[in-house]
Amino acid sequence: MPNYHIPLFPSKLYHIFSRAVGSVKLFREDKNYRFFLRKLDEHLSPVCSLWAYCLIPNHFHLLVEVKEEDEIKNAFTHAKKSTPFDPEKVPEFIMERFSNFLNSYTKACNKRFNRKGALFMDYIRRVELDKDSQLSATIFYVHKNPVHHVLVSQIEDWKWSSFKTYLSDLPGKIKRNEGLEWFGGKHGFSDFHSQSIDIKGFDDV
């Protein structure tokens, strides 16, 4: 079950997901998706590494690994300047980065589409992963989401996920090498994603 209040700790893996309020769309144009990914990298890369992502019109999924405490400390020092670093405040600082990320995207969308008010639900759902037992299934679920919501018939047909990045040789913003190693290479990654796997056990947004 997702928890809306669990803290995000260094060196832990989390499935993060959230959706738009009501029937609002988060992404109306291709450039909205691109802008969201730029903002994600800007705000979250100092504190999190990205294993997988999927963006669909009314919600998003991220699989992130919070960086080690020394890296979090560097990001904190850079952002907070003269404020002393307190390890106990790390989860609060990480959630602040997520909040800043979503707020910056909301402000840009409100300006672009002449709207006011909240864009996202007032919480971020998160599930801590046990890497050994959940990583493969969660990466699959994230990439399978557009098929699950009947937006496309094949995983590879959806443009706004990390699936194609895993199979590309071009630079990317995900932990591709680690992910491919986990699946035993590109063939293992592709084979796993071609299976018929029941994803009903996952909570969706």
N, C-alpha and C. Protein backbone atom coordinates (compact mmCIF):
# COMPACT_ATOMS: atom_id res chain seq x y z
N MET A 1 0.84 -1.21 0.00
CA MET A 1 0.00 0.00 0.00
C MET A 1 0.87 1.24 0.00
N PRO A 2 0.46 2.26 -0.76
CA PRO A 2 1.22 3.50 -0.74
C PRO A 2 1.03 4.23 0.58
N ASN A 3 2.01 4.99 0.97
CA ASN A 3 1.94 5.79 2.18
C ASN A 3 2.23 7.23 1.79
N TYR A 4 1.40 8.14 2.27
CA TYR A 4 1.56 9.53 1.87
C TYR A 4 2.51 10.30 2.77
N HIS A 5 3.03 9.64 3.80
CA HIS A 5 3.83 10.38 4.77
C HIS A 5 5.15 9.71 5.12
N ILE A 6 5.47 8.58 4.52
CA ILE A 6 6.73 7.93 4.90
C ILE A 6 7.90 8.82 4.48
N PRO A 7 8.91 8.93 5.31
CA PRO A 7 10.08 9.74 4.97
C PRO A 7 10.93 9.07 3.90
N LEU A 8 11.66 9.88 3.17
CA LEU A 8 12.56 9.39 2.13
C LEU A 8 13.99 9.47 2.67
N PHE A 9 14.62 8.32 2.81
CA PHE A 9 15.93 8.24 3.44
C PHE A 9 17.03 7.99 2.41
N PRO A 10 18.26 8.40 2.73
CA PRO A 10 19.40 8.16 1.83
C PRO A 10 19.57 6.68 1.50
N SER A 11 19.98 6.43 0.25
CA SER A 11 20.32 5.09 -0.25
C SER A 11 19.13 4.15 -0.32
N LYS A 12 17.91 4.67 -0.26
CA LYS A 12 16.71 3.85 -0.35
C LYS A 12 16.03 4.07 -1.71
N LEU A 13 15.32 3.04 -2.17
CA LEU A 13 14.57 3.11 -3.41
C LEU A 13 13.09 3.36 -3.12
N TYR A 14 12.48 4.23 -3.94
CA TYR A 14 11.07 4.55 -3.75
C TYR A 14 10.34 4.64 -5.09
N HIS A 15 9.14 4.10 -5.09
CA HIS A 15 8.21 4.32 -6.20
C HIS A 15 7.37 5.53 -5.82
N ILE A 16 7.48 6.58 -6.63
CA ILE A 16 6.80 7.85 -6.36
C ILE A 16 5.74 8.05 -7.43
N PHE A 17 4.53 8.39 -7.03
CA PHE A 17 3.52 8.67 -8.04
C PHE A 17 2.51 9.69 -7.53
N SER A 18 1.98 10.46 -8.48
CA SER A 18 0.99 11.47 -8.15
C SER A 18 0.16 11.76 -9.39
N ARG A 19 -0.99 12.37 -9.18
CA ARG A 19 -1.87 12.66 -10.30
C ARG A 19 -2.41 14.08 -10.22
N ALA A 20 -3.04 14.49 -11.30
CA ALA A 20 -3.64 15.81 -11.36
C ALA A 20 -4.93 15.85 -10.55
N VAL A 21 -5.31 17.03 -10.14
CA VAL A 21 -6.60 17.19 -9.44
C VAL A 21 -7.74 17.02 -10.45
N GLY A 22 -8.80 16.36 -9.99
CA GLY A 22 -9.98 16.23 -10.82
C GLY A 22 -9.70 15.67 -12.20
N SER A 23 -10.27 16.31 -13.20
CA SER A 23 -10.11 15.86 -14.58
C SER A 23 -9.06 16.68 -15.34
N VAL A 24 -8.28 17.45 -14.59
CA VAL A 24 -7.25 18.28 -15.21
C VAL A 24 -6.16 17.40 -15.81
N LYS A 25 -5.58 17.84 -16.90
CA LYS A 25 -4.44 17.14 -17.50
C LYS A 25 -3.14 17.80 -17.07
N LEU A 26 -2.17 16.98 -16.71
CA LEU A 26 -0.84 17.49 -16.39
C LEU A 26 -0.09 17.88 -17.66
N PHE A 27 -0.34 17.12 -18.72
CA PHE A 27 0.41 17.30 -19.96
C PHE A 27 -0.57 17.42 -21.12
N ARG A 28 -0.56 18.57 -21.77
CA ARG A 28 -1.45 18.79 -22.91
C ARG A 28 -0.70 18.81 -24.23
N GLU A 29 0.58 19.10 -24.17
CA GLU A 29 1.40 19.22 -25.37
C GLU A 29 2.72 18.50 -25.14
N ASP A 30 3.39 18.14 -26.22
CA ASP A 30 4.68 17.48 -26.09
C ASP A 30 5.66 18.32 -25.28
N LYS A 31 5.62 19.62 -25.47
CA LYS A 31 6.58 20.46 -24.75
C LYS A 31 6.31 20.49 -23.25
N ASN A 32 5.09 20.15 -22.82
CA ASN A 32 4.82 20.01 -21.38
C ASN A 32 5.60 18.84 -20.80
N TYR A 33 5.61 17.72 -21.51
CA TYR A 33 6.37 16.55 -21.05
C TYR A 33 7.87 16.88 -20.96
N ARG A 34 8.38 17.54 -22.00
CA ARG A 34 9.80 17.87 -22.02
C ARG A 34 10.15 18.83 -20.89
N PHE A 35 9.29 19.81 -20.63
CA PHE A 35 9.53 20.78 -19.56
C PHE A 35 9.51 20.09 -18.19
N PHE A 36 8.56 19.18 -18.01
CA PHE A 36 8.47 18.43 -16.76
C PHE A 36 9.76 17.66 -16.50
N LEU A 37 10.29 17.01 -17.52
CA LEU A 37 11.53 16.24 -17.36
C LEU A 37 12.72 17.15 -17.08
N ARG A 38 12.75 18.33 -17.68
CA ARG A 38 13.83 19.28 -17.38
C ARG A 38 13.76 19.75 -15.94
N LYS A 39 12.55 20.05 -15.47
CA LYS A 39 12.38 20.48 -14.08
C LYS A 39 12.70 19.36 -13.11
N LEU A 40 12.33 18.15 -13.46
CA LEU A 40 12.66 17.00 -12.63
C LEU A 40 14.17 16.90 -12.45
N ASP A 41 14.89 17.00 -13.54
CA ASP A 41 16.35 16.91 -13.46
C ASP A 41 16.93 18.08 -12.65
N GLU A 42 16.40 19.24 -12.87
CA GLU A 42 16.91 20.43 -12.17
C GLU A 42 16.73 20.33 -10.66
N HIS A 43 15.57 19.89 -10.22
CA HIS A 43 15.27 19.90 -8.78
C HIS A 43 15.66 18.61 -8.06
N LEU A 44 15.57 17.49 -8.75
CA LEU A 44 15.76 16.21 -8.05
C LEU A 44 17.12 15.58 -8.24
N SER A 45 17.81 15.87 -9.33
CA SER A 45 19.09 15.19 -9.56
C SER A 45 20.12 15.42 -8.46
N PRO A 46 20.10 16.55 -7.74
CA PRO A 46 21.06 16.69 -6.63
C PRO A 46 20.82 15.71 -5.47
N VAL A 47 19.59 15.17 -5.37
CA VAL A 47 19.28 14.33 -4.22
C VAL A 47 18.82 12.92 -4.58
N CYS A 48 18.46 12.69 -5.83
CA CYS A 48 17.93 11.39 -6.25
C CYS A 48 18.52 10.97 -7.59
N SER A 49 18.67 9.67 -7.76
CA SER A 49 18.96 9.08 -9.06
C SER A 49 17.69 8.44 -9.58
N LEU A 50 17.50 8.51 -10.89
CA LEU A 50 16.27 8.03 -11.50
C LEU A 50 16.49 6.67 -12.17
N TRP A 51 15.74 5.68 -11.74
CA TRP A 51 15.81 4.35 -12.34
C TRP A 51 14.81 4.21 -13.49
N ALA A 52 13.65 4.80 -13.34
CA ALA A 52 12.61 4.67 -14.37
C ALA A 52 11.59 5.78 -14.19
N TYR A 53 10.89 6.10 -15.28
CA TYR A 53 9.80 7.08 -15.19
C TYR A 53 8.78 6.80 -16.27
N CYS A 54 7.58 7.28 -16.05
CA CYS A 54 6.55 7.28 -17.07
C CYS A 54 5.61 8.45 -16.81
N LEU A 55 5.35 9.23 -17.84
CA LEU A 55 4.43 10.36 -17.75
C LEU A 55 3.27 10.09 -18.68
N ILE A 56 2.05 10.15 -18.14
CA ILE A 56 0.87 10.06 -18.99
C ILE A 56 -0.01 11.26 -18.68
N PRO A 57 -1.02 11.54 -19.49
CA PRO A 57 -1.69 12.85 -19.40
C PRO A 57 -2.12 13.31 -18.01
N ASN A 58 -2.59 12.40 -17.15
CA ASN A 58 -3.10 12.90 -15.87
C ASN A 58 -2.31 12.43 -14.65
N HIS A 59 -1.20 11.68 -14.85
CA HIS A 59 -0.37 11.32 -13.70
C HIS A 59 1.02 10.90 -14.13
N PHE A 60 1.88 10.69 -13.14
CA PHE A 60 3.25 10.28 -13.43
C PHE A 60 3.71 9.24 -12.42
N HIS A 61 4.70 8.47 -12.84
CA HIS A 61 5.38 7.49 -11.98
C HIS A 61 6.88 7.71 -12.07
N LEU A 62 7.54 7.67 -10.94
CA LEU A 62 8.99 7.75 -10.87
C LEU A 62 9.51 6.62 -9.99
N LEU A 63 10.60 6.03 -10.39
CA LEU A 63 11.32 5.10 -9.52
C LEU A 63 12.66 5.75 -9.23
N VAL A 64 12.85 6.18 -7.99
CA VAL A 64 14.04 6.94 -7.63
C VAL A 64 14.83 6.24 -6.54
N GLU A 65 16.11 6.50 -6.54
CA GLU A 65 16.98 6.05 -5.45
C GLU A 65 17.57 7.31 -4.81
N VAL A 66 17.26 7.53 -3.57
CA VAL A 66 17.81 8.68 -2.87
C VAL A 66 19.32 8.50 -2.73
N LYS A 67 20.06 9.56 -2.97
CA LYS A 67 21.51 9.47 -2.95
C LYS A 67 22.05 9.29 -1.53
N GLU A 68 23.32 8.99 -1.45
CA GLU A 68 23.93 8.77 -0.14
C GLU A 68 23.99 10.08 0.65
N GLU A 69 24.14 9.95 1.94
CA GLU A 69 24.04 11.12 2.81
C GLU A 69 25.08 12.19 2.49
N ASP A 70 26.29 11.80 2.10
CA ASP A 70 27.32 12.80 1.76
C ASP A 70 26.89 13.66 0.57
N GLU A 71 26.24 13.03 -0.41
CA GLU A 71 25.76 13.78 -1.57
C GLU A 71 24.59 14.67 -1.19
N ILE A 72 23.73 14.18 -0.32
CA ILE A 72 22.61 15.00 0.17
C ILE A 72 23.16 16.21 0.93
N LYS A 73 24.20 15.97 1.71
CA LYS A 73 24.81 17.07 2.46
C LYS A 73 25.34 18.14 1.52
N ASN A 74 25.98 17.74 0.45
CA ASN A 74 26.49 18.71 -0.52
C ASN A 74 25.36 19.52 -1.14
N ALA A 75 24.26 18.83 -1.49
CA ALA A 75 23.11 19.53 -2.07
C ALA A 75 22.48 20.47 -1.06
N PHE A 76 22.39 20.02 0.18
CA PHE A 76 21.82 20.86 1.24
C PHE A 76 22.67 22.12 1.44
N THR A 77 23.97 21.95 1.52
CA THR A 77 24.88 23.07 1.73
C THR A 77 24.79 24.08 0.59
N HIS A 78 24.67 23.56 -0.63
CA HIS A 78 24.55 24.44 -1.79
C HIS A 78 23.23 25.21 -1.77
N ALA A 79 22.15 24.53 -1.37
CA ALA A 79 20.82 25.16 -1.40
C ALA A 79 20.57 26.07 -0.21
N LYS A 80 21.09 25.67 0.95
CA LYS A 80 20.77 26.38 2.19
C LYS A 80 21.85 27.36 2.64
N LYS A 81 22.99 27.35 1.94
CA LYS A 81 24.08 28.27 2.23
C LYS A 81 24.58 28.15 3.67
N SER A 82 24.20 29.08 4.52
CA SER A 82 24.77 29.15 5.87
C SER A 82 24.04 28.29 6.90
N THR A 83 22.95 27.61 6.51
CA THR A 83 22.23 26.78 7.46
C THR A 83 23.02 25.50 7.74
N PRO A 84 23.28 25.19 9.00
CA PRO A 84 24.04 23.96 9.32
C PRO A 84 23.29 22.71 8.88
N PHE A 85 24.02 21.74 8.38
CA PHE A 85 23.42 20.48 7.94
C PHE A 85 23.06 19.62 9.15
N ASP A 86 21.85 19.10 9.15
CA ASP A 86 21.38 18.23 10.22
C ASP A 86 20.89 16.93 9.58
N PRO A 87 21.56 15.81 9.79
CA PRO A 87 21.15 14.54 9.17
C PRO A 87 19.69 14.17 9.43
N GLU A 88 19.17 14.58 10.58
CA GLU A 88 17.78 14.26 10.89
C GLU A 88 16.79 15.02 10.01
N LYS A 89 17.28 16.08 9.36
CA LYS A 89 16.42 16.90 8.51
C LYS A 89 16.48 16.46 7.04
N VAL A 90 17.22 15.39 6.75
CA VAL A 90 17.38 14.94 5.36
C VAL A 90 16.03 14.62 4.70
N PRO A 91 15.15 13.82 5.31
CA PRO A 91 13.86 13.54 4.65
C PRO A 91 13.06 14.81 4.37
N GLU A 92 13.11 15.75 5.29
CA GLU A 92 12.39 17.02 5.10
C GLU A 92 12.98 17.78 3.91
N PHE A 93 14.29 17.79 3.79
CA PHE A 93 14.95 18.49 2.68
C PHE A 93 14.62 17.83 1.34
N ILE A 94 14.59 16.51 1.32
CA ILE A 94 14.27 15.80 0.07
C ILE A 94 12.84 16.10 -0.36
N MET A 95 11.90 16.07 0.58
CA MET A 95 10.51 16.37 0.23
C MET A 95 10.36 17.81 -0.21
N GLU A 96 11.18 18.67 0.33
CA GLU A 96 11.18 20.07 -0.10
C GLU A 96 11.58 20.17 -1.57
N ARG A 97 12.55 19.35 -1.99
CA ARG A 97 12.96 19.34 -3.39
C ARG A 97 11.81 18.87 -4.29
N PHE A 98 11.09 17.84 -3.85
CA PHE A 98 9.94 17.37 -4.62
C PHE A 98 8.87 18.46 -4.69
N SER A 99 8.62 19.11 -3.57
CA SER A 99 7.61 20.17 -3.54
C SER A 99 7.99 21.32 -4.47
N ASN A 100 9.24 21.72 -4.44
CA ASN A 100 9.70 22.81 -5.32
C ASN A 100 9.56 22.43 -6.78
N PHE A 101 9.86 21.17 -7.07
CA PHE A 101 9.76 20.66 -8.44
C PHE A 101 8.32 20.75 -8.95
N LEU A 102 7.37 20.22 -8.18
CA LEU A 102 5.98 20.21 -8.63
C LEU A 102 5.39 21.63 -8.62
N ASN A 103 5.79 22.45 -7.67
CA ASN A 103 5.31 23.83 -7.65
C ASN A 103 5.80 24.62 -8.85
N SER A 104 7.05 24.40 -9.24
CA SER A 104 7.58 25.13 -10.40
C SER A 104 6.87 24.71 -11.68
N TYR A 105 6.53 23.42 -11.78
CA TYR A 105 5.80 22.96 -12.95
C TYR A 105 4.38 23.52 -12.96
N THR A 106 3.75 23.53 -11.78
CA THR A 106 2.39 24.07 -11.67
C THR A 106 2.34 25.53 -12.08
N LYS A 107 3.29 26.33 -11.60
CA LYS A 107 3.30 27.77 -11.94
C LYS A 107 3.45 27.97 -13.44
N ALA A 108 4.32 27.18 -14.06
CA ALA A 108 4.53 27.30 -15.49
C ALA A 108 3.26 26.92 -16.27
N CYS A 109 2.59 25.83 -15.84
CA CYS A 109 1.36 25.40 -16.52
C CYS A 109 0.24 26.42 -16.33
N ASN A 110 0.11 26.93 -15.12
CA ASN A 110 -0.93 27.93 -14.88
C ASN A 110 -0.74 29.17 -15.75
N LYS A 111 0.50 29.56 -15.92
CA LYS A 111 0.78 30.71 -16.78
C LYS A 111 0.52 30.37 -18.24
N ARG A 112 0.95 29.19 -18.66
CA ARG A 112 0.81 28.78 -20.06
C ARG A 112 -0.65 28.64 -20.46
N PHE A 113 -1.48 28.10 -19.56
CA PHE A 113 -2.86 27.80 -19.91
C PHE A 113 -3.87 28.73 -19.22
N ASN A 114 -3.36 29.81 -18.64
CA ASN A 114 -4.21 30.84 -18.04
C ASN A 114 -5.18 30.23 -17.03
N ARG A 115 -4.62 29.47 -16.10
CA ARG A 115 -5.43 28.85 -15.08
C ARG A 115 -4.90 29.22 -13.70
N LYS A 116 -5.65 28.90 -12.64
CA LYS A 116 -5.23 29.17 -11.28
C LYS A 116 -5.43 27.93 -10.42
N GLY A 117 -4.74 27.92 -9.28
CA GLY A 117 -4.96 26.87 -8.31
C GLY A 117 -4.05 25.68 -8.48
N ALA A 118 -4.33 24.65 -7.67
CA ALA A 118 -3.49 23.45 -7.63
C ALA A 118 -3.60 22.67 -8.93
N LEU A 119 -2.53 22.02 -9.28
CA LEU A 119 -2.49 21.15 -10.45
C LEU A 119 -2.40 19.69 -10.02
N PHE A 120 -1.63 19.42 -8.96
CA PHE A 120 -1.43 18.06 -8.46
C PHE A 120 -2.26 17.84 -7.19
N MET A 121 -2.54 16.57 -6.91
CA MET A 121 -3.12 16.22 -5.63
C MET A 121 -2.20 16.72 -4.53
N ASP A 122 -2.75 16.96 -3.35
CA ASP A 122 -1.97 17.60 -2.29
C ASP A 122 -1.07 16.62 -1.54
N TYR A 123 -0.72 15.52 -2.14
CA TYR A 123 0.23 14.58 -1.54
C TYR A 123 0.96 13.86 -2.67
N ILE A 124 2.09 13.30 -2.32
CA ILE A 124 2.83 12.43 -3.24
C ILE A 124 2.80 11.03 -2.65
N ARG A 125 2.27 10.09 -3.37
CA ARG A 125 2.27 8.71 -2.89
C ARG A 125 3.67 8.13 -3.05
N ARG A 126 4.08 7.34 -2.10
CA ARG A 126 5.40 6.72 -2.20
C ARG A 126 5.40 5.36 -1.52
N VAL A 127 6.16 4.48 -2.13
CA VAL A 127 6.32 3.12 -1.63
C VAL A 127 7.80 2.80 -1.59
N GLU A 128 8.31 2.40 -0.43
CA GLU A 128 9.70 2.00 -0.34
C GLU A 128 9.86 0.60 -0.93
N LEU A 129 10.91 0.42 -1.72
CA LEU A 129 11.13 -0.86 -2.39
C LEU A 129 12.21 -1.67 -1.70
N ASP A 130 11.98 -2.96 -1.67
CA ASP A 130 13.02 -3.93 -1.36
C ASP A 130 13.65 -4.27 -2.71
N LYS A 131 14.87 -3.84 -2.92
CA LYS A 131 15.49 -3.96 -4.24
C LYS A 131 15.46 -5.38 -4.77
N ASP A 132 15.75 -6.36 -3.93
CA ASP A 132 15.86 -7.73 -4.41
C ASP A 132 14.54 -8.28 -4.94
N SER A 133 13.44 -7.94 -4.29
CA SER A 133 12.18 -8.58 -4.65
C SER A 133 11.25 -7.71 -5.48
N GLN A 134 11.47 -6.40 -5.50
CA GLN A 134 10.50 -5.51 -6.12
C GLN A 134 11.02 -4.69 -7.29
N LEU A 135 12.32 -4.60 -7.46
CA LEU A 135 12.86 -3.68 -8.46
C LEU A 135 12.41 -4.04 -9.87
N SER A 136 12.57 -5.29 -10.27
CA SER A 136 12.20 -5.69 -11.63
C SER A 136 10.72 -5.44 -11.90
N ALA A 137 9.87 -5.86 -10.97
CA ALA A 137 8.43 -5.71 -11.16
C ALA A 137 8.01 -4.26 -11.21
N THR A 138 8.66 -3.40 -10.42
CA THR A 138 8.27 -1.99 -10.40
C THR A 138 8.72 -1.28 -11.68
N ILE A 139 9.91 -1.58 -12.16
CA ILE A 139 10.35 -0.99 -13.44
C ILE A 139 9.39 -1.42 -14.54
N PHE A 140 9.02 -2.70 -14.55
CA PHE A 140 8.06 -3.18 -15.54
C PHE A 140 6.74 -2.43 -15.41
N TYR A 141 6.25 -2.32 -14.19
CA TYR A 141 4.96 -1.64 -13.97
C TYR A 141 5.00 -0.20 -14.46
N VAL A 142 6.06 0.51 -14.15
CA VAL A 142 6.18 1.91 -14.58
C VAL A 142 6.11 1.99 -16.10
N HIS A 143 6.86 1.13 -16.78
CA HIS A 143 6.88 1.16 -18.25
C HIS A 143 5.58 0.63 -18.86
N LYS A 144 4.90 -0.26 -18.15
CA LYS A 144 3.66 -0.86 -18.65
C LYS A 144 2.46 0.08 -18.49
N ASN A 145 2.59 1.13 -17.73
CA ASN A 145 1.45 1.96 -17.36
C ASN A 145 0.63 2.48 -18.54
N PRO A 146 1.24 2.96 -19.62
CA PRO A 146 0.43 3.45 -20.74
C PRO A 146 -0.39 2.34 -21.40
N VAL A 147 0.11 1.10 -21.38
CA VAL A 147 -0.66 -0.03 -21.89
C VAL A 147 -1.81 -0.34 -20.93
N HIS A 148 -1.50 -0.31 -19.65
CA HIS A 148 -2.50 -0.54 -18.61
C HIS A 148 -3.68 0.42 -18.74
N HIS A 149 -3.38 1.66 -19.13
CA HIS A 149 -4.43 2.69 -19.27
C HIS A 149 -4.93 2.82 -20.71
N VAL A 150 -4.60 1.86 -21.53
CA VAL A 150 -5.09 1.75 -22.90
C VAL A 150 -4.77 3.00 -23.73
N LEU A 151 -3.58 3.53 -23.52
CA LEU A 151 -3.12 4.66 -24.33
C LEU A 151 -2.37 4.16 -25.56
N VAL A 152 -1.73 3.02 -25.42
CA VAL A 152 -1.04 2.35 -26.53
C VAL A 152 -1.20 0.85 -26.32
N SER A 153 -0.87 0.10 -27.36
CA SER A 153 -0.98 -1.36 -27.24
C SER A 153 0.33 -2.02 -26.89
N GLN A 154 1.45 -1.33 -27.14
CA GLN A 154 2.77 -1.86 -26.86
C GLN A 154 3.58 -0.87 -26.03
N ILE A 155 4.36 -1.36 -25.10
CA ILE A 155 5.17 -0.49 -24.24
C ILE A 155 6.02 0.47 -25.06
N GLU A 156 6.63 -0.07 -26.12
CA GLU A 156 7.57 0.74 -26.90
C GLU A 156 6.89 1.85 -27.72
N ASP A 157 5.55 1.83 -27.78
CA ASP A 157 4.84 2.85 -28.54
C ASP A 157 4.65 4.14 -27.76
N TRP A 158 4.89 4.11 -26.44
CA TRP A 158 4.69 5.32 -25.64
C TRP A 158 5.99 6.12 -25.58
N LYS A 159 5.89 7.37 -25.93
CA LYS A 159 7.08 8.23 -26.07
C LYS A 159 7.65 8.69 -24.74
N TRP A 160 6.78 8.88 -23.74
CA TRP A 160 7.20 9.59 -22.53
C TRP A 160 7.45 8.66 -21.35
N SER A 161 8.32 7.70 -21.57
CA SER A 161 8.79 6.83 -20.49
C SER A 161 10.26 6.56 -20.71
N SER A 162 10.88 5.90 -19.75
CA SER A 162 12.30 5.59 -19.84
C SER A 162 12.58 4.29 -20.58
N PHE A 163 11.53 3.63 -21.08
CA PHE A 163 11.72 2.33 -21.72
C PHE A 163 12.71 2.40 -22.88
N LYS A 164 12.50 3.34 -23.80
CA LYS A 164 13.38 3.43 -24.97
C LYS A 164 14.78 3.89 -24.59
N THR A 165 14.88 4.67 -23.51
CA THR A 165 16.20 5.11 -23.06
C THR A 165 17.05 3.91 -22.65
N TYR A 166 16.43 2.92 -22.05
CA TYR A 166 17.16 1.72 -21.65
C TYR A 166 17.75 0.98 -22.85
N LEU A 167 17.08 1.06 -23.98
CA LEU A 167 17.52 0.32 -25.16
C LEU A 167 18.35 1.17 -26.11
N SER A 168 18.51 2.45 -25.78
CA SER A 168 19.27 3.37 -26.62
C SER A 168 20.73 3.43 -26.20
N ASP A 169 21.57 3.87 -27.11
CA ASP A 169 22.97 4.11 -26.78
C ASP A 169 23.25 5.60 -26.58
N LEU A 170 22.20 6.42 -26.69
CA LEU A 170 22.35 7.86 -26.51
C LEU A 170 22.40 8.21 -25.02
N PRO A 171 22.99 9.36 -24.67
CA PRO A 171 23.03 9.76 -23.26
C PRO A 171 21.63 9.89 -22.68
N GLY A 172 21.49 9.55 -21.42
CA GLY A 172 20.19 9.65 -20.76
C GLY A 172 20.34 10.06 -19.31
N LYS A 173 19.22 10.28 -18.65
CA LYS A 173 19.22 10.77 -17.27
C LYS A 173 18.84 9.68 -16.27
N ILE A 174 18.84 8.43 -16.69
CA ILE A 174 18.47 7.35 -15.79
C ILE A 174 19.69 6.48 -15.48
N LYS A 175 19.54 5.60 -14.50
CA LYS A 175 20.61 4.67 -14.13
C LYS A 175 20.57 3.47 -15.09
N ARG A 176 20.82 3.76 -16.35
CA ARG A 176 20.67 2.75 -17.39
C ARG A 176 21.63 1.58 -17.21
N ASN A 177 22.89 1.87 -16.98
CA ASN A 177 23.86 0.79 -16.84
C ASN A 177 23.50 -0.14 -15.69
N GLU A 178 23.14 0.48 -14.55
CA GLU A 178 22.76 -0.33 -13.38
C GLU A 178 21.48 -1.13 -13.67
N GLY A 179 20.53 -0.48 -14.35
CA GLY A 179 19.28 -1.16 -14.67
C GLY A 179 19.48 -2.33 -15.62
N LEU A 180 20.28 -2.12 -16.66
CA LEU A 180 20.53 -3.20 -17.61
C LEU A 180 21.30 -4.34 -16.96
N GLU A 181 22.23 -3.98 -16.10
CA GLU A 181 22.96 -5.02 -15.37
C GLU A 181 22.01 -5.84 -14.51
N TRP A 182 21.04 -5.15 -13.90
CA TRP A 182 20.07 -5.84 -13.05
C TRP A 182 19.28 -6.88 -13.85
N PHE A 183 18.93 -6.52 -15.11
CA PHE A 183 18.15 -7.43 -15.95
C PHE A 183 19.03 -8.39 -16.75
N GLY A 184 20.36 -8.25 -16.63
CA GLY A 184 21.25 -9.13 -17.38
C GLY A 184 21.51 -8.66 -18.79
N GLY A 185 21.35 -7.34 -19.04
CA GLY A 185 21.63 -6.78 -20.36
C GLY A 185 20.35 -6.40 -21.11
N LYS A 186 20.53 -5.87 -22.31
CA LYS A 186 19.38 -5.39 -23.09
C LYS A 186 18.42 -6.52 -23.45
N HIS A 187 18.96 -7.69 -23.76
CA HIS A 187 18.07 -8.80 -24.12
C HIS A 187 17.24 -9.23 -22.91
N GLY A 188 17.87 -9.27 -21.75
CA GLY A 188 17.12 -9.62 -20.55
C GLY A 188 16.06 -8.59 -20.22
N PHE A 189 16.41 -7.32 -20.41
CA PHE A 189 15.46 -6.22 -20.18
C PHE A 189 14.27 -6.35 -21.12
N SER A 190 14.54 -6.55 -22.41
CA SER A 190 13.46 -6.68 -23.40
C SER A 190 12.60 -7.91 -23.14
N ASP A 191 13.25 -9.03 -22.81
CA ASP A 191 12.50 -10.25 -22.56
C ASP A 191 11.57 -10.10 -21.37
N PHE A 192 12.08 -9.47 -20.30
CA PHE A 192 11.25 -9.29 -19.12
C PHE A 192 10.02 -8.43 -19.45
N HIS A 193 10.22 -7.39 -20.26
CA HIS A 193 9.12 -6.49 -20.60
C HIS A 193 8.16 -7.08 -21.63
N SER A 194 8.55 -8.18 -22.26
CA SER A 194 7.65 -8.81 -23.24
C SER A 194 6.75 -9.85 -22.60
N GLN A 195 6.98 -10.14 -21.32
CA GLN A 195 6.17 -11.12 -20.64
C GLN A 195 4.78 -10.58 -20.33
N SER A 196 3.86 -11.50 -20.17
CA SER A 196 2.54 -11.14 -19.69
C SER A 196 2.55 -11.26 -18.18
N ILE A 197 2.67 -10.10 -17.51
CA ILE A 197 2.82 -10.09 -16.05
C ILE A 197 1.64 -9.36 -15.43
N ASP A 198 1.04 -9.96 -14.44
CA ASP A 198 -0.10 -9.37 -13.75
C ASP A 198 0.36 -8.20 -12.91
N ILE A 199 -0.21 -7.00 -13.16
CA ILE A 199 0.18 -5.82 -12.39
C ILE A 199 -0.98 -5.34 -11.51
N LYS A 200 -1.97 -6.20 -11.30
CA LYS A 200 -3.12 -5.78 -10.51
C LYS A 200 -2.79 -5.54 -9.04
N GLY A 201 -1.67 -6.10 -8.60
CA GLY A 201 -1.31 -5.92 -7.19
C GLY A 201 -0.79 -4.54 -6.87
N PHE A 202 -0.52 -3.74 -7.90
CA PHE A 202 0.00 -2.39 -7.67
C PHE A 202 -1.16 -1.44 -7.46
N ASP A 203 -0.96 -0.49 -6.55
CA ASP A 203 -1.93 0.58 -6.39
C ASP A 203 -1.64 1.65 -7.42
N ASP A 204 -2.66 2.09 -8.12
CA ASP A 204 -2.47 3.10 -9.15
C ASP A 204 -3.10 4.41 -8.70
N VAL A 205 -2.85 5.45 -9.52
CA VAL A 205 -3.41 6.76 -9.19
C VAL A 205 -4.52 7.08 -10.14
